[in-house]
Amino acid sequence: METKRLVVSGIVQGVGYRHFVLGIARRLGVAGYVRNLPDGTVEVVVQLEEEESLNALVGALKKGPPASRVSGVEIHALTGLGEELSGFAVRL
């Protein structure tokens, strides 16, 4: 199982972006969380087994909900998390 950290930039806070991600992640069956970061970006941490799920998630993140304007999605491998995530949640 791989853990990925995705950082989404653009107009992604205050537009329902985290709840949009919650719905997509649950439909894809990936575990993890989404949260706003102080610099105005949104962080998505996911654990997944299939590359197809990552590709589908990244495609959805790039589109976002109607009020958002995504300018970029960075993908980073995350090591040393030390826990297996279950379910998907919005974190504050």
C-alpha atoms as a PDB file:
ATOM      1  CA  MET A   1       0.000   0.000   0.000  1.00  0.00           C
ATOM      2  CA  GLU A   2       1.325   3.415  -0.952  1.00  0.00           C
ATOM      3  CA  THR A   3       0.815   6.672   0.905  1.00  0.00           C
ATOM      4  CA  LYS A   4       0.693   9.864  -1.152  1.00  0.00           C
ATOM      5  CA  ARG A   5       0.543  13.510  -0.134  1.00  0.00           C
ATOM      6  CA  LEU A   6      -1.127  15.767  -2.663  1.00  0.00           C
ATOM      7  CA  VAL A   7      -1.035  19.538  -2.340  1.00  0.00           C
ATOM      8  CA  VAL A   8      -3.644  21.441  -4.330  1.00  0.00           C
ATOM      9  CA  SER A   9      -3.133  25.135  -5.073  1.00  0.00           C
ATOM     10  CA  GLY A  10      -5.344  27.850  -6.491  1.00  0.00           C
ATOM     11  CA  ILE A  11      -8.717  29.025  -5.217  1.00  0.00           C
ATOM     12  CA  VAL A  12      -9.406  25.935  -3.145  1.00  0.00           C
ATOM     13  CA  GLN A  13     -10.412  27.216   0.292  1.00  0.00           C
ATOM     14  CA  GLY A  14     -13.869  28.529   1.126  1.00  0.00           C
ATOM     15  CA  VAL A  15     -15.397  26.914  -1.968  1.00  0.00           C
ATOM     16  CA  GLY A  16     -16.415  23.456  -0.676  1.00  0.00           C
ATOM     17  CA  TYR A  17     -13.229  21.817  -1.915  1.00  0.00           C
ATOM     18  CA  ARG A  18     -12.637  19.584   1.129  1.00  0.00           C
ATOM     19  CA  HIS A  19     -16.154  18.159   0.999  1.00  0.00           C
ATOM     20  CA  PHE A  20     -15.774  17.631  -2.746  1.00  0.00           C
ATOM     21  CA  VAL A  21     -12.598  15.622  -2.059  1.00  0.00           C
ATOM     22  CA  LEU A  22     -14.371  13.667   0.683  1.00  0.00           C
ATOM     23  CA  GLY A  23     -17.043  12.515  -1.779  1.00  0.00           C
ATOM     24  CA  ILE A  24     -14.544  11.566  -4.481  1.00  0.00           C
ATOM     25  CA  ALA A  25     -12.284   9.662  -2.062  1.00  0.00           C
ATOM     26  CA  ARG A  26     -15.180   7.714  -0.600  1.00  0.00           C
ATOM     27  CA  ARG A  27     -16.418   6.777  -4.083  1.00  0.00           C
ATOM     28  CA  LEU A  28     -12.929   5.569  -4.985  1.00  0.00           C
ATOM     29  CA  GLY A  29     -12.595   3.681  -1.706  1.00  0.00           C
ATOM     30  CA  VAL A  30      -9.303   5.289  -0.662  1.00  0.00           C
ATOM     31  CA  ALA A  31      -8.332   5.913   2.951  1.00  0.00           C
ATOM     32  CA  GLY A  32      -6.915   9.186   4.210  1.00  0.00           C
ATOM     33  CA  TYR A  33      -7.836  12.761   4.949  1.00  0.00           C
ATOM     34  CA  VAL A  34      -8.090  16.260   3.512  1.00  0.00           C
ATOM     35  CA  ARG A  35      -7.373  19.556   5.261  1.00  0.00           C
ATOM     36  CA  ASN A  36      -6.756  23.231   4.589  1.00  0.00           C
ATOM     37  CA  LEU A  37      -3.206  24.475   5.083  1.00  0.00           C
ATOM     38  CA  PRO A  38      -2.309  27.954   6.383  1.00  0.00           C
ATOM     39  CA  ASP A  39      -0.768  28.997   3.042  1.00  0.00           C
ATOM     40  CA  GLY A  40      -4.134  28.687   1.224  1.00  0.00           C
ATOM     41  CA  THR A  41      -3.511  25.250  -0.273  1.00  0.00           C
ATOM     42  CA  VAL A  42      -5.350  22.014   0.467  1.00  0.00           C
ATOM     43  CA  GLU A  43      -3.514  18.865   1.559  1.00  0.00           C
ATOM     44  CA  VAL A  44      -4.840  15.424   0.649  1.00  0.00           C
ATOM     45  CA  VAL A  45      -3.174  12.374   2.204  1.00  0.00           C
ATOM     46  CA  VAL A  46      -4.260   9.012   0.820  1.00  0.00           C
ATOM     47  CA  GLN A  47      -3.333   5.379   1.134  1.00  0.00           C
ATOM     48  CA  LEU A  48      -4.132   3.313  -1.909  1.00  0.00           C
ATOM     49  CA  GLU A  49      -3.171   0.138  -3.662  1.00  0.00           C
ATOM     50  CA  GLU A  50      -3.970   0.849  -7.306  1.00  0.00           C
ATOM     51  CA  GLU A  51      -2.432   3.406  -9.646  1.00  0.00           C
ATOM     52  CA  GLU A  52      -5.840   3.772 -11.327  1.00  0.00           C
ATOM     53  CA  SER A  53      -7.316   5.119  -8.094  1.00  0.00           C
ATOM     54  CA  LEU A  54      -4.535   7.705  -7.840  1.00  0.00           C
ATOM     55  CA  ASN A  55      -5.041   8.758 -11.454  1.00  0.00           C
ATOM     56  CA  ALA A  56      -8.805   9.107 -10.959  1.00  0.00           C
ATOM     57  CA  LEU A  57      -8.289  11.105  -7.756  1.00  0.00           C
ATOM     58  CA  VAL A  58      -5.744  13.454  -9.335  1.00  0.00           C
ATOM     59  CA  GLY A  59      -8.047  14.019 -12.309  1.00  0.00           C
ATOM     60  CA  ALA A  60     -10.896  14.971  -9.986  1.00  0.00           C
ATOM     61  CA  LEU A  61      -8.641  17.203  -7.855  1.00  0.00           C
ATOM     62  CA  LYS A  62      -7.577  19.136 -10.941  1.00  0.00           C
ATOM     63  CA  LYS A  63     -11.219  19.863 -11.798  1.00  0.00           C
ATOM     64  CA  GLY A  64     -12.529  20.536  -8.283  1.00  0.00           C
ATOM     65  CA  PRO A  65     -16.007  21.789  -7.434  1.00  0.00           C
ATOM     66  CA  PRO A  66     -17.570  24.537  -9.601  1.00  0.00           C
ATOM     67  CA  ALA A  67     -16.477  27.498  -7.407  1.00  0.00           C
ATOM     68  CA  SER A  68     -12.824  26.403  -7.255  1.00  0.00           C
ATOM     69  CA  ARG A  69      -9.998  27.346  -9.604  1.00  0.00           C
ATOM     70  CA  VAL A  70      -7.211  24.771  -9.344  1.00  0.00           C
ATOM     71  CA  SER A  71      -3.816  25.967 -10.538  1.00  0.00           C
ATOM     72  CA  GLY A  72      -1.795  22.888  -9.605  1.00  0.00           C
ATOM     73  CA  VAL A  73      -1.628  19.495  -7.917  1.00  0.00           C
ATOM     74  CA  GLU A  74       1.715  18.353  -6.502  1.00  0.00           C
ATOM     75  CA  ILE A  75       2.152  14.647  -5.735  1.00  0.00           C
ATOM     76  CA  HIS A  76       4.657  13.441  -3.160  1.00  0.00           C
ATOM     77  CA  ALA A  77       5.402   9.947  -1.847  1.00  0.00           C
ATOM     78  CA  LEU A  78       4.907   9.996   1.916  1.00  0.00           C
ATOM     79  CA  THR A  79       7.060   7.702   4.007  1.00  0.00           C
ATOM     80  CA  GLY A  80       7.215   7.270   7.737  1.00  0.00           C
ATOM     81  CA  LEU A  81       3.529   7.944   8.391  1.00  0.00           C
ATOM     82  CA  GLY A  82       3.597   5.131  10.929  1.00  0.00           C
ATOM     83  CA  GLU A  83      -0.095   4.370  10.776  1.00  0.00           C
ATOM     84  CA  GLU A  84      -2.545   2.717   8.478  1.00  0.00           C
ATOM     85  CA  LEU A  85      -5.436   5.020   7.718  1.00  0.00           C
ATOM     86  CA  SER A  86      -9.016   3.796   7.592  1.00  0.00           C
ATOM     87  CA  GLY A  87     -11.913   5.602   6.019  1.00  0.00           C
ATOM     88  CA  PHE A  88     -11.628   9.149   4.718  1.00  0.00           C
ATOM     89  CA  ALA A  89     -12.192  12.321   6.739  1.00  0.00           C
ATOM     90  CA  VAL A  90     -12.038  16.097   6.669  1.00  0.00           C
ATOM     91  CA  ARG A  91      -9.509  17.330   9.218  1.00  0.00           C
ATOM     92  CA  LEU A  92      -9.356  20.812  10.636  1.00  0.00           C
END
